[in-house]
Protein backbone atom coordinates (compact mmCIF):
# COMPACT_ATOMS: atom_id res chain seq x y z
CA UNK A 1 9.26 49.51 1.82
CA UNK A 2 6.26 51.80 1.50
CA UNK A 3 3.64 51.76 4.22
CA UNK A 4 1.87 48.42 4.51
CA UNK A 5 -1.83 48.95 3.77
CA UNK A 6 -3.12 45.38 3.93
CA UNK A 7 -2.08 43.02 6.72
CA UNK A 8 -3.38 39.44 6.76
CA UNK A 9 -2.52 37.13 9.63
CA UNK A 10 -3.44 33.50 10.21
CA UNK A 11 -6.43 33.26 7.86
CA UNK A 12 -7.89 29.77 8.22
CA UNK A 13 -11.03 28.48 6.55
CA UNK A 14 -12.58 25.06 6.98
CA UNK A 15 -15.54 23.45 5.26
CA UNK A 16 -16.63 20.48 7.33
CA UNK A 17 -13.60 18.25 7.86
CA UNK A 18 -11.66 19.90 5.05
CA UNK A 19 -9.24 22.76 5.72
CA UNK A 20 -9.11 25.00 2.65
CA UNK A 21 -6.80 27.65 4.10
CA UNK A 22 -4.42 27.15 6.99
CA UNK A 23 -2.82 30.15 8.67
CA UNK A 24 -2.26 32.34 5.61
CA UNK A 25 -0.17 35.48 6.20
CA UNK A 26 0.53 38.25 3.71
CA UNK A 27 1.20 41.98 3.51
CA UNK A 28 0.59 44.39 0.65
CA UNK A 29 2.19 47.82 0.71
CA UNK A 30 1.13 51.01 -1.02
CA UNK A 31 2.29 50.90 -4.64
CA UNK A 32 2.79 47.13 -4.55
CA UNK A 33 0.93 44.27 -6.23
CA UNK A 34 0.87 40.79 -4.72
CA UNK A 35 -0.39 37.87 -6.78
CA UNK A 36 -2.11 34.81 -5.33
CA UNK A 37 -1.68 31.73 -7.50
CA UNK A 38 -2.28 28.01 -7.21
CA UNK A 39 -4.25 25.12 -8.69
CA UNK A 40 -8.03 25.02 -8.83
CA UNK A 41 -9.44 24.25 -5.40
CA UNK A 42 -6.45 25.64 -3.51
CA UNK A 43 -8.56 28.37 -1.89
CA UNK A 44 -7.53 31.47 -3.83
CA UNK A 45 -11.00 32.97 -4.16
CA UNK A 46 -11.91 31.84 -0.65
CA UNK A 47 -8.89 33.73 0.65
CA UNK A 48 -10.00 36.95 -1.04
CA UNK A 49 -13.53 36.58 0.32
CA UNK A 50 -12.20 36.01 3.84
CA UNK A 51 -9.93 39.03 3.52
CA UNK A 52 -12.67 41.44 2.45
CA UNK A 53 -15.24 40.00 4.85
CA UNK A 54 -17.75 38.49 2.42
CA UNK A 55 -16.86 35.09 3.90
CA UNK A 56 -16.09 34.47 7.55
CA UNK A 57 -12.69 33.00 8.30
CA UNK A 58 -12.57 30.41 11.10
CA UNK A 59 -9.39 32.01 12.42
CA UNK A 60 -7.20 34.98 11.62
CA UNK A 61 -7.85 38.56 10.61
CA UNK A 62 -7.27 41.11 7.87
CA UNK A 63 -6.52 44.76 8.53
CA UNK A 64 -6.61 47.70 6.12
CA UNK A 65 -4.57 50.66 7.31
CA UNK A 66 -4.86 49.38 10.87
CA UNK A 67 -8.63 48.79 10.80
CA UNK A 68 -10.45 45.46 10.68
CA UNK A 69 -11.22 44.87 7.01
CA UNK A 70 -14.92 44.36 6.43
CA UNK A 71 -16.24 45.73 3.14
CA UNK A 72 -19.63 46.33 4.74
CA UNK A 73 -18.16 49.09 6.95
CA UNK A 74 -18.37 52.61 5.44
CA UNK A 75 -14.87 53.57 6.54
CA UNK A 76 -13.48 50.52 4.75
CA UNK A 77 -15.55 51.00 1.60
CA UNK A 78 -13.94 54.42 1.18
CA UNK A 79 -10.53 52.77 0.77
CA UNK A 80 -11.39 49.43 -0.87
CA UNK A 81 -12.48 48.56 -4.40
CA UNK A 82 -12.85 44.97 -5.48
CA UNK A 83 -13.88 42.80 -8.38
CA UNK A 84 -15.13 39.35 -7.45
CA UNK A 85 -16.68 36.79 -9.76
CA UNK A 86 -20.21 37.27 -8.43
CA UNK A 87 -20.65 41.02 -8.99
CA UNK A 88 -24.22 42.20 -9.53
CA UNK A 89 -25.34 45.10 -11.69
CA UNK A 90 -28.43 47.25 -11.37
CA UNK A 91 -30.64 45.60 -14.00
CA UNK A 92 -32.76 48.66 -14.77
CA UNK A 93 -29.87 51.09 -15.10
CA UNK A 94 -27.77 51.64 -18.20
CA UNK A 95 -24.02 51.13 -18.09
CA UNK A 96 -23.34 54.83 -17.54
CA UNK A 97 -26.13 55.16 -14.98
CA UNK A 98 -24.77 52.16 -13.06
CA UNK A 99 -21.26 53.60 -12.95
CA UNK A 100 -22.51 57.07 -12.02
CA UNK A 101 -24.50 55.63 -9.13
CA UNK A 102 -21.52 53.61 -7.89
CA UNK A 103 -19.23 56.63 -8.09
CA UNK A 104 -21.63 58.96 -6.28
CA UNK A 105 -22.53 56.36 -3.64
CA UNK A 106 -18.84 56.19 -2.74
CA UNK A 107 -18.47 59.99 -2.66
CA UNK A 108 -16.19 60.11 -5.68
CA UNK A 109 -15.29 63.76 -6.38
CA UNK A 110 -16.14 64.82 -9.96
CA UNK A 111 -18.12 61.62 -10.46
CA UNK A 112 -19.33 62.50 -13.97
CA UNK A 113 -15.82 63.19 -15.24
CA UNK A 114 -14.41 60.06 -13.59
CA UNK A 115 -17.15 57.89 -15.12
CA UNK A 116 -16.51 59.27 -18.61
CA UNK A 117 -12.77 58.67 -18.31
CA UNK A 118 -13.27 55.11 -17.09
CA UNK A 119 -15.87 54.34 -19.78
CA UNK A 120 -13.31 55.37 -22.38
CA UNK A 121 -10.52 53.39 -20.71
CA UNK A 122 -12.48 50.14 -20.58
CA UNK A 123 -13.89 50.53 -24.10
CA UNK A 124 -17.56 50.76 -23.13
CA UNK A 125 -18.36 54.26 -24.31
CA UNK A 126 -20.25 53.01 -27.38
CA UNK A 127 -22.51 50.79 -25.24
CA UNK A 128 -22.83 53.19 -22.30
CA UNK A 129 -26.57 53.61 -22.90
CA UNK A 130 -27.31 49.88 -22.91
CA UNK A 131 -28.53 47.72 -20.03
CA UNK A 132 -25.98 45.31 -18.54
CA UNK A 133 -28.10 42.34 -19.62
CA UNK A 134 -27.54 43.24 -23.28
CA UNK A 135 -23.73 43.14 -23.02
CA UNK A 136 -21.46 40.28 -24.01
CA UNK A 137 -19.67 38.37 -21.26
CA UNK A 138 -16.45 40.25 -22.01
CA UNK A 139 -18.23 43.59 -21.86
CA UNK A 140 -19.83 42.65 -18.55
CA UNK A 141 -16.35 41.86 -17.20
CA UNK A 142 -15.16 45.28 -18.34
CA UNK A 143 -18.18 46.81 -16.58
CA UNK A 144 -17.26 44.95 -13.39
CA UNK A 145 -13.74 46.37 -13.60
CA UNK A 146 -15.09 49.84 -14.37
CA UNK A 147 -17.28 49.59 -11.25
CA UNK A 148 -14.09 49.33 -9.20
CA UNK A 149 -12.18 52.01 -11.07
CA UNK A 150 -14.86 54.69 -10.58
CA UNK A 151 -14.52 54.35 -6.80
CA UNK A 152 -11.98 56.05 -4.52
CA UNK A 153 -9.50 53.39 -3.43
CA UNK A 154 -6.26 52.65 -1.64
CA UNK A 155 -6.56 48.88 -2.07
CA UNK A 156 -7.74 46.90 -5.10
CA UNK A 157 -8.76 43.27 -4.55
CA UNK A 158 -9.25 41.44 -7.84
CA UNK A 159 -10.38 37.86 -8.40
CA UNK A 160 -9.33 36.73 -11.88
CA UNK A 161 -9.90 40.17 -13.44
CA UNK A 162 -8.63 38.89 -16.78
CA UNK A 163 -11.44 36.33 -17.05
CA UNK A 164 -13.45 36.68 -20.28
CA UNK A 165 -11.30 39.54 -21.55
CA UNK A 166 -9.83 39.34 -25.04
CA UNK A 167 -6.13 39.85 -25.77
CA UNK A 168 -6.51 43.62 -26.05
CA UNK A 169 -8.49 43.68 -22.81
CA UNK A 170 -5.78 41.82 -20.90
CA UNK A 171 -3.15 44.17 -22.35
CA UNK A 172 -5.18 47.18 -21.19
CA UNK A 173 -5.67 45.60 -17.76
CA UNK A 174 -1.93 45.17 -17.31
CA UNK A 175 -1.30 48.81 -18.16
CA UNK A 176 -4.09 49.91 -15.83
CA UNK A 177 -2.78 47.93 -12.87
CA UNK A 178 0.73 49.27 -13.38
CA UNK A 179 -0.74 52.79 -13.38
CA UNK A 180 -2.66 52.00 -10.18
CA UNK A 181 0.60 50.95 -8.51
CA UNK A 182 2.35 54.08 -9.74
CA UNK A 183 -0.36 56.16 -8.05
CA UNK A 184 0.26 54.38 -4.73
CA UNK A 185 -2.61 51.90 -4.78
CA UNK A 186 -2.03 48.45 -3.27
CA UNK A 187 -3.21 45.53 -5.42
CA UNK A 188 -4.07 41.99 -4.35
CA UNK A 189 -4.64 39.84 -7.40
CA UNK A 190 -5.79 36.27 -8.01
CA UNK A 191 -5.01 35.25 -11.57
CA UNK A 192 -4.53 32.23 -13.81
CA UNK A 193 -2.61 34.32 -16.35
CA UNK A 194 1.14 33.90 -15.68
CA UNK A 195 2.07 36.71 -18.06
CA UNK A 196 -0.22 39.17 -16.29
CA UNK A 197 1.10 38.12 -12.88
CA UNK A 198 4.71 38.48 -14.03
CA UNK A 199 4.04 41.88 -15.56
CA UNK A 200 2.14 43.39 -12.65
CA UNK A 201 3.06 41.65 -9.40
CA UNK A 202 6.03 42.41 -7.17
CA UNK A 203 5.59 39.18 -5.22
CA UNK A 204 3.58 35.98 -5.49
CA UNK A 205 1.89 33.92 -2.75
CA UNK A 206 1.36 30.30 -3.77
CA UNK A 207 -1.47 28.22 -2.33
CA UNK A 208 -1.79 24.46 -2.58
CA UNK A 209 0.86 21.77 -2.87
CA UNK A 210 3.67 24.20 -3.77
CA UNK A 211 2.62 26.85 -1.28
CA UNK A 212 5.06 29.60 -0.47
CA UNK A 213 5.92 33.27 -0.92
CA UNK A 214 8.15 34.31 -3.83
């Protein structure tokens, strides 16, 4: 197996008397995609937030390349790109300005070229001069994905990236994630799309009543 980039051990999260996650372990290697699946309320999104440090686990830890994974730390942000459901855009910046700022803030070499390539890939070139607030929900989802793909990254963490994408968008996303794997990126993916999971993921972690690791 390739080098393990993401190591998660014993992640536990409680809300009051309810335990949402209990001792979750998983590894994701370079060039590998691991899917997290399960019914609504099983803790899939909570797990991702605990892993990247936007939510505090009650127990357990996540490590990226041997370092405690906290997306607020500069050394982690250099290696991590993520798409969560609550992403914010800069309201006064156009699509291209937003992506250019994200790329440059994360020290992306050749930021202008990378942004143009990603705009073309996600199908937003024609609306690149518009403000995010003027986009459709599907276009905003593509912008959220583009915000991850303009960053340097060794690990992609994606929470339902297919949400609000049309059929062509999901097809593109599958191709993109396969290309990310081929370039050695590790992918951790929460999805409700079985076809996308089957196409992209090497292994699946199940949360909830049928929990397990396939």
